[in-house]
Amino acid sequence: MAKFVVTPSSEKQRAAWTGGGIPEVERVRPGLWSIPVPIPINPLRYVLVYALELADGVAIIDAGWDTDEAYEALTAGLGVAGYTIADVRAVLVTHIHPDHYGLAGRVREASGAWIGLHPADAGLLRERYDEEFIDALVAKERAQLLRCGVPASTVDELAGASMMIRTFVTMAAPDRLIEDGDRLDLSGWDLRAVWTPGHSPGHLCFAEPSRKLLFTGDHVLPRITSAVAVHPQSAPNPLADYLDALAALRAFDVEEVLPAHEYRFLELAGRVDYVMEHHRERLAEIEEVVSGTDGVTCWDVATKLTWSRPWESIPSFMRRAAGNETLAHLVWLESRGRARRLPGEPELWTRAVNRS
């Protein structure tokens, strides 16, 4: 696949990303600010929080991880824009992953802001972050890993691999549920919610048609592809959801894309086309692997695919993510009659019946 490179709309942000640093707070345009908030122990390094000026304060899109460093960075960034945490009136959360949702509760405690979240993600909060439910969630993850053929010697390590990131979240139930197509009541803005499931069941983008802006969260990023995986809290076929949402988003009349990571860019349609082609190629690669066997586990399929580094050098947590992403592609192939699942523990995957 020929590489498609987007045009950054902030050369300073792109330079900071490629240089391994964190960009400065930027005034994107009148009334709109980009505030980088650091993410601990994560190769993405920071999340871009967007502050929208209102008549009586600001609304922010996403918030960052719940660490003192992140809170101080958010506070300092708002200060550059001329505001304080107390001026935040709303926290619009694109999805419930810690780098987007983690600080929302702390911001609400300091400002009285309302928190908005899509109902599909809101319904997952307690199971994901409430101590009462964690053991059950880990047990579900462990059962899936065994079905996928993860070696017994590593399954317990992988099942609990993401538990440490729960410490970067202040549990906070949303004050408002934001549905697809909702117009947000934010003075001076014509902000519309766009439900884009896949990366999470309730992932939201926010369109501003009068300014031709699209805030894409993790759904569309300028350089990397969003992780779409099957796991205990995912939809049954998250890749189908993701690709459908991506295709719908392509039709938007957008001049600038404002993602949650890396840097802002210009070509929405070109980037969408590239990401969709990436998934078509990945699906074909996986279909070829399973068609060449009488039955192979999801985990074994993952070890045979092309990744950004050799499988042996991928850390265990990232191997779990790679396996879950592979499963999402297998499920999509199964739904299209291009692969079939042989029940058991572990499950095996093979060529579709009557498919040459």
Protein backbone atom coordinates (compact mmCIF):
# COMPACT_ATOMS: atom_id res chain seq x y z
CA MET A 1 0.00 0.00 0.00
CA ALA A 2 1.37 3.40 -1.00
CA LYS A 3 2.00 5.62 2.00
CA PHE A 4 -0.38 8.58 2.35
CA VAL A 5 1.02 11.45 4.39
CA VAL A 6 -1.37 14.06 5.71
CA THR A 7 -0.58 17.76 5.72
CA PRO A 8 -0.18 19.01 9.29
CA SER A 9 -2.14 22.15 10.06
CA SER A 10 0.24 22.88 12.93
CA GLU A 11 3.88 22.53 11.95
CA LYS A 12 4.86 23.14 15.58
CA GLN A 13 2.75 20.19 16.74
CA ARG A 14 4.15 17.91 14.06
CA ALA A 15 7.72 18.93 14.91
CA ALA A 16 7.11 18.27 18.60
CA TRP A 17 5.67 14.84 17.82
CA THR A 18 8.45 13.75 15.49
CA GLY A 19 11.08 15.20 17.83
CA GLY A 20 9.85 13.17 20.79
CA GLY A 21 8.62 16.16 22.79
CA ILE A 22 5.36 17.71 23.89
CA PRO A 23 3.98 20.65 21.89
CA GLU A 24 3.13 24.05 23.27
CA VAL A 25 -0.35 25.28 24.06
CA GLU A 26 -1.70 26.71 20.81
CA ARG A 27 -4.48 29.07 19.82
CA VAL A 28 -5.95 27.08 16.95
CA ARG A 29 -8.20 29.95 15.90
CA PRO A 30 -10.25 32.60 17.72
CA GLY A 31 -11.99 30.99 20.68
CA LEU A 32 -10.30 27.59 20.35
CA TRP A 33 -7.19 26.29 22.10
CA SER A 34 -5.18 23.08 21.94
CA ILE A 35 -3.70 22.00 25.29
CA PRO A 36 -1.30 19.02 25.41
CA VAL A 37 -1.66 17.00 28.62
CA PRO A 38 1.09 14.43 29.34
CA ILE A 39 0.34 10.71 29.57
CA PRO A 40 2.61 8.67 31.87
CA ILE A 41 4.41 5.54 30.68
CA ASN A 42 2.81 5.65 27.24
CA PRO A 43 4.41 6.02 23.79
CA LEU A 44 1.68 8.50 22.78
CA ARG A 45 3.19 10.90 25.35
CA TYR A 46 0.24 13.31 25.51
CA VAL A 47 -3.44 13.80 24.78
CA LEU A 48 -4.60 16.97 23.04
CA VAL A 49 -7.36 18.59 25.09
CA TYR A 50 -9.34 21.24 23.21
CA ALA A 51 -10.72 24.25 25.05
CA LEU A 52 -13.69 26.03 23.47
CA GLU A 53 -14.34 29.56 24.72
CA LEU A 54 -17.91 30.25 25.85
CA ALA A 55 -19.69 33.38 26.99
CA ASP A 56 -19.14 32.39 30.63
CA GLY A 57 -16.03 30.19 30.58
CA VAL A 58 -14.78 27.23 28.55
CA ALA A 59 -15.82 23.73 27.54
CA ILE A 60 -13.13 21.11 27.08
CA ILE A 61 -13.10 18.07 24.83
CA ASP A 62 -11.41 15.25 26.81
CA ALA A 63 -9.41 15.83 29.96
CA GLY A 64 -6.35 13.58 30.30
CA TRP A 65 -5.14 10.98 32.82
CA ASP A 66 -5.71 11.59 36.51
CA THR A 67 -2.20 12.43 37.66
CA ASP A 68 -0.92 15.57 39.35
CA GLU A 69 1.34 16.25 36.37
CA ALA A 70 -1.58 16.04 33.97
CA TYR A 71 -3.81 18.20 36.17
CA GLU A 72 -1.09 20.84 36.45
CA ALA A 73 -0.54 20.80 32.68
CA LEU A 74 -4.26 21.23 32.04
CA THR A 75 -4.44 24.04 34.58
CA ALA A 76 -1.39 25.78 33.10
CA GLY A 77 -2.74 25.38 29.57
CA LEU A 78 -6.04 26.95 30.51
CA GLY A 79 -4.04 29.75 32.10
CA VAL A 80 -2.30 30.47 28.80
CA ALA A 81 -5.77 30.85 27.28
CA GLY A 82 -6.77 33.19 30.13
CA TYR A 83 -8.88 30.76 32.16
CA THR A 84 -8.70 28.61 35.29
CA ILE A 85 -10.07 25.17 36.10
CA ALA A 86 -12.95 26.94 37.85
CA ASP A 87 -14.00 28.38 34.48
CA VAL A 88 -14.67 24.95 32.92
CA ARG A 89 -18.40 24.55 32.29
CA ALA A 90 -18.43 21.22 30.44
CA VAL A 91 -16.20 18.19 29.84
CA LEU A 92 -17.13 16.42 26.61
CA VAL A 93 -15.53 12.98 26.76
CA THR A 94 -14.89 11.26 23.43
CA HIS A 95 -14.59 7.85 25.18
CA ILE A 96 -13.84 6.19 28.49
CA HIS A 97 -10.17 5.28 28.11
CA PRO A 98 -8.11 6.78 30.95
CA ASP A 99 -6.22 9.34 28.85
CA HIS A 100 -9.54 10.93 27.84
CA TYR A 101 -11.84 10.34 30.79
CA GLY A 102 -9.46 10.02 33.75
CA LEU A 103 -9.36 13.66 34.87
CA ALA A 104 -13.01 14.47 34.13
CA GLY A 105 -14.14 13.83 37.70
CA ARG A 106 -11.37 15.92 39.20
CA VAL A 107 -12.20 18.81 36.86
CA ARG A 108 -15.87 18.58 37.86
CA GLU A 109 -14.94 18.64 41.55
CA ALA A 110 -12.97 21.85 41.02
CA SER A 111 -15.38 23.65 38.72
CA GLY A 112 -18.88 22.18 38.89
CA ALA A 113 -18.67 21.40 35.17
CA TRP A 114 -21.01 18.81 33.70
CA ILE A 115 -19.53 15.66 32.15
CA GLY A 116 -20.96 14.30 28.91
CA LEU A 117 -20.49 10.77 27.57
CA HIS A 118 -22.21 8.49 25.07
CA PRO A 119 -24.54 5.99 26.82
CA ALA A 120 -22.73 2.97 25.34
CA ASP A 121 -19.55 3.97 27.17
CA ALA A 122 -21.36 5.24 30.25
CA GLY A 123 -22.83 1.76 30.72
CA LEU A 124 -19.33 0.28 30.98
CA LEU A 125 -17.94 2.55 33.69
CA ARG A 126 -18.73 0.54 36.81
CA GLU A 127 -17.49 -2.77 35.43
CA ARG A 128 -14.32 -1.09 34.19
CA TYR A 129 -13.40 1.16 37.12
CA ASP A 130 -15.40 0.12 40.19
CA GLU A 131 -13.35 -2.12 42.52
CA GLU A 132 -16.39 -4.33 43.12
CA PHE A 133 -16.41 -5.55 39.51
CA ILE A 134 -12.73 -5.74 38.59
CA ASP A 135 -12.16 -9.40 39.43
CA ALA A 136 -15.09 -10.41 37.24
CA LEU A 137 -13.77 -8.33 34.34
CA VAL A 138 -10.31 -9.87 34.64
CA ALA A 139 -11.90 -13.34 34.70
CA LYS A 140 -13.74 -12.56 31.44
CA GLU A 141 -10.52 -11.36 29.86
CA ARG A 142 -8.72 -14.51 31.00
CA ALA A 143 -11.43 -16.73 29.51
CA GLN A 144 -11.17 -14.93 26.18
CA LEU A 145 -7.39 -15.26 26.14
CA LEU A 146 -7.67 -19.01 26.72
CA ARG A 147 -10.19 -19.31 23.87
CA CYS A 148 -7.71 -17.43 21.69
CA GLY A 149 -4.94 -19.89 22.45
CA VAL A 150 -2.71 -17.76 24.68
CA PRO A 151 -0.19 -20.07 26.40
CA ALA A 152 -1.22 -21.03 29.93
CA SER A 153 2.15 -19.81 31.23
CA THR A 154 1.35 -16.21 30.28
CA VAL A 155 -2.44 -16.00 30.40
CA ASP A 156 -2.67 -14.68 33.99
CA GLU A 157 -0.08 -11.99 33.32
CA LEU A 158 -1.92 -10.82 30.21
CA ALA A 159 -5.38 -10.96 31.78
CA GLY A 160 -4.41 -8.42 34.44
CA ALA A 161 -2.00 -6.39 32.32
CA SER A 162 -4.17 -3.26 32.15
CA MET A 163 -5.16 -3.12 35.81
CA MET A 164 -2.47 -0.60 36.73
CA ILE A 165 -3.92 2.09 34.47
CA ARG A 166 -7.09 2.15 36.58
CA THR A 167 -5.13 4.27 39.06
CA PHE A 168 -5.17 7.09 36.51
CA VAL A 169 -8.95 7.49 36.63
CA THR A 170 -11.26 9.30 39.04
CA MET A 171 -14.55 7.41 38.76
CA ALA A 172 -17.20 9.92 37.71
CA ALA A 173 -20.66 9.13 36.39
CA PRO A 174 -21.65 11.44 33.52
CA ASP A 175 -24.16 14.20 34.16
CA ARG A 176 -25.42 14.06 30.57
CA LEU A 177 -25.67 11.29 28.02
CA ILE A 178 -24.76 12.46 24.53
CA GLU A 179 -26.46 10.67 21.65
CA ASP A 180 -25.57 10.58 17.98
CA GLY A 181 -26.63 13.83 16.32
CA ASP A 182 -27.13 15.79 19.54
CA ARG A 183 -26.41 19.50 19.28
CA LEU A 184 -24.45 20.57 22.34
CA ASP A 185 -25.72 23.65 24.13
CA LEU A 186 -22.48 25.64 24.10
CA SER A 187 -22.74 29.38 23.54
CA GLY A 188 -21.01 30.52 20.36
CA TRP A 189 -20.61 27.00 19.00
CA ASP A 190 -22.62 24.79 16.65
CA LEU A 191 -21.16 21.56 17.98
CA ARG A 192 -22.77 18.26 16.91
CA ALA A 193 -22.09 14.80 18.33
CA VAL A 194 -21.18 12.04 15.89
CA TRP A 195 -21.28 8.49 17.25
CA THR A 196 -18.27 6.60 15.88
CA PRO A 197 -18.10 3.20 17.64
CA GLY A 198 -15.22 0.80 17.23
CA HIS A 199 -12.29 2.01 19.32
CA SER A 200 -14.83 1.95 22.14
CA PRO A 201 -18.55 1.17 21.93
CA GLY A 202 -19.52 4.76 22.69
CA HIS A 203 -16.74 6.71 21.00
CA LEU A 204 -17.82 10.20 19.95
CA CYS A 205 -16.46 12.70 17.47
CA PHE A 206 -17.66 16.31 17.50
CA ALA A 207 -18.35 18.25 14.30
CA GLU A 208 -18.52 22.03 14.03
CA PRO A 209 -20.03 22.56 10.56
CA SER A 210 -19.99 26.37 10.60
CA ARG A 211 -16.22 26.34 11.16
CA LYS A 212 -15.65 23.11 9.15
CA LEU A 213 -13.87 21.47 12.06
CA LEU A 214 -13.97 17.86 13.22
CA PHE A 215 -12.73 16.74 16.65
CA THR A 216 -11.97 13.07 16.09
CA GLY A 217 -10.75 11.75 19.46
CA ASP A 218 -9.02 8.45 18.67
CA HIS A 219 -11.23 7.53 15.72
CA VAL A 220 -9.03 9.19 13.08
CA LEU A 221 -5.40 10.02 13.84
CA PRO A 222 -2.83 11.48 11.43
CA ARG A 223 -0.16 8.78 11.58
CA ILE A 224 -1.22 5.66 13.49
CA THR A 225 -4.41 3.65 13.16
CA SER A 226 -6.89 3.48 16.01
CA ALA A 227 -6.91 0.23 17.98
CA VAL A 228 -10.06 -1.79 17.28
CA ALA A 229 -10.26 -4.97 19.33
CA VAL A 230 -12.59 -7.65 20.61
CA HIS A 231 -12.53 -7.80 24.41
CA PRO A 232 -15.08 -8.33 27.20
CA GLN A 233 -16.39 -4.76 26.93
CA SER A 234 -16.40 -4.44 23.16
CA ALA A 235 -19.30 -4.80 20.77
CA PRO A 236 -19.56 -8.24 19.11
CA ASN A 237 -18.10 -7.00 15.80
CA PRO A 238 -16.25 -3.75 16.58
CA LEU A 239 -14.32 -3.63 13.31
CA ALA A 240 -17.57 -3.60 11.32
CA ASP A 241 -18.80 -0.75 13.53
CA TYR A 242 -15.54 1.13 13.12
CA LEU A 243 -15.39 0.82 9.33
CA ASP A 244 -19.05 1.84 8.95
CA ALA A 245 -18.48 4.91 11.14
CA LEU A 246 -15.30 5.75 9.26
CA ALA A 247 -17.10 5.62 5.91
CA ALA A 248 -19.86 7.89 7.22
CA LEU A 249 -17.33 10.37 8.57
CA ARG A 250 -15.63 10.64 5.19
CA ALA A 251 -18.59 12.56 3.77
CA PHE A 252 -18.21 15.44 6.24
CA ASP A 253 -17.17 18.80 4.78
CA VAL A 254 -14.10 19.43 6.91
CA GLU A 255 -11.18 21.83 6.53
CA GLU A 256 -9.27 20.79 9.63
CA VAL A 257 -9.15 17.58 11.67
CA LEU A 258 -8.43 17.90 15.39
CA PRO A 259 -7.43 14.49 16.80
CA ALA A 260 -6.66 13.62 20.41
CA HIS A 261 -3.06 12.55 19.69
CA GLU A 262 -0.08 13.50 17.54
CA TYR A 263 -1.05 16.65 15.57
CA ARG A 264 -3.81 18.46 13.71
CA PHE A 265 -4.10 17.89 9.95
CA LEU A 266 -6.07 18.78 6.84
CA GLU A 267 -7.10 15.82 4.66
CA LEU A 268 -9.93 13.90 6.31
CA ALA A 269 -11.07 11.99 3.20
CA GLY A 270 -7.54 11.01 2.19
CA ARG A 271 -6.71 9.78 5.67
CA VAL A 272 -9.97 7.81 5.92
CA ASP A 273 -9.27 6.15 2.56
CA TYR A 274 -5.78 5.19 3.72
CA VAL A 275 -7.01 3.69 7.00
CA MET A 276 -9.73 1.72 5.25
CA GLU A 277 -7.19 0.33 2.78
CA HIS A 278 -4.93 -0.60 5.70
CA HIS A 279 -7.73 -2.70 7.18
CA ARG A 280 -8.53 -4.30 3.81
CA GLU A 281 -4.90 -5.37 3.52
CA ARG A 282 -4.83 -6.65 7.10
CA LEU A 283 -8.02 -8.65 6.51
CA ALA A 284 -6.52 -10.18 3.37
CA GLU A 285 -3.32 -11.06 5.25
CA ILE A 286 -5.28 -12.79 8.02
CA GLU A 287 -7.54 -14.57 5.55
CA GLU A 288 -4.46 -15.96 3.81
CA VAL A 289 -3.05 -17.26 7.12
CA VAL A 290 -6.22 -19.09 8.15
CA SER A 291 -6.88 -20.43 4.64
CA GLY A 292 -3.53 -22.18 4.66
CA THR A 293 -4.37 -24.38 7.65
CA ASP A 294 -6.94 -26.87 8.90
CA GLY A 295 -7.32 -24.76 12.02
CA VAL A 296 -5.18 -22.18 13.82
CA THR A 297 -5.70 -20.22 17.02
CA CYS A 298 -6.17 -16.45 17.03
CA TRP A 299 -2.93 -16.15 19.03
CA ASP A 300 -0.99 -18.12 16.43
CA VAL A 301 -2.47 -15.97 13.67
CA ALA A 302 -1.27 -12.85 15.50
CA THR A 303 2.29 -14.21 15.71
CA LYS A 304 2.37 -14.65 11.92
CA LEU A 305 1.26 -11.12 11.01
CA THR A 306 3.31 -8.07 10.08
CA TRP A 307 3.69 -5.70 13.02
CA SER A 308 5.75 -2.56 13.51
CA ARG A 309 8.41 -4.69 15.24
CA PRO A 310 9.23 -8.40 15.54
CA TRP A 311 6.68 -10.32 17.65
CA GLU A 312 9.39 -11.39 20.10
CA SER A 313 10.17 -7.76 20.95
CA ILE A 314 6.57 -6.69 21.57
CA PRO A 315 5.88 -6.18 25.33
CA SER A 316 3.30 -8.50 26.89
CA PHE A 317 0.57 -5.86 27.29
CA MET A 318 0.93 -4.88 23.64
CA ARG A 319 0.84 -8.55 22.62
CA ARG A 320 -2.54 -8.84 24.31
CA ALA A 321 -3.74 -5.79 22.37
CA ALA A 322 -2.36 -7.27 19.14
CA GLY A 323 -4.17 -10.53 19.80
CA ASN A 324 -7.45 -8.75 20.51
CA GLU A 325 -7.09 -6.68 17.34
CA THR A 326 -6.42 -9.86 15.37
CA LEU A 327 -9.60 -11.34 16.84
CA ALA A 328 -11.57 -8.30 15.69
CA HIS A 329 -10.42 -8.93 12.12
CA LEU A 330 -11.21 -12.64 12.37
CA VAL A 331 -14.72 -11.86 13.61
CA TRP A 332 -15.22 -9.46 10.70
CA LEU A 333 -14.08 -12.16 8.24
CA GLU A 334 -16.43 -14.65 9.90
CA SER A 335 -19.35 -12.22 9.56
CA ARG A 336 -18.65 -11.94 5.82
CA GLY A 337 -18.31 -15.68 5.29
CA ARG A 338 -14.58 -15.42 4.59
CA ALA A 339 -13.41 -17.43 7.63
CA ARG A 340 -15.02 -19.82 10.07
CA ARG A 341 -14.61 -20.58 13.73
CA LEU A 342 -14.30 -24.10 15.11
CA PRO A 343 -15.63 -24.08 18.68
CA GLY A 344 -13.49 -25.41 21.49
CA GLU A 345 -10.84 -24.27 23.92
CA PRO A 346 -8.94 -22.96 22.26
CA GLU A 347 -11.10 -21.96 19.29
CA LEU A 348 -9.60 -22.62 15.90
CA TRP A 349 -9.99 -20.55 12.75
CA THR A 350 -9.87 -21.85 9.22
CA ARG A 351 -11.00 -21.19 5.66
CA ALA A 352 -14.64 -20.57 4.97
CA VAL A 353 -16.72 -23.49 3.77
CA ASN A 354 -16.80 -23.75 -0.06
CA ARG A 355 -14.37 -20.87 -0.42
CA SER A 356 -11.45 -21.45 -2.76
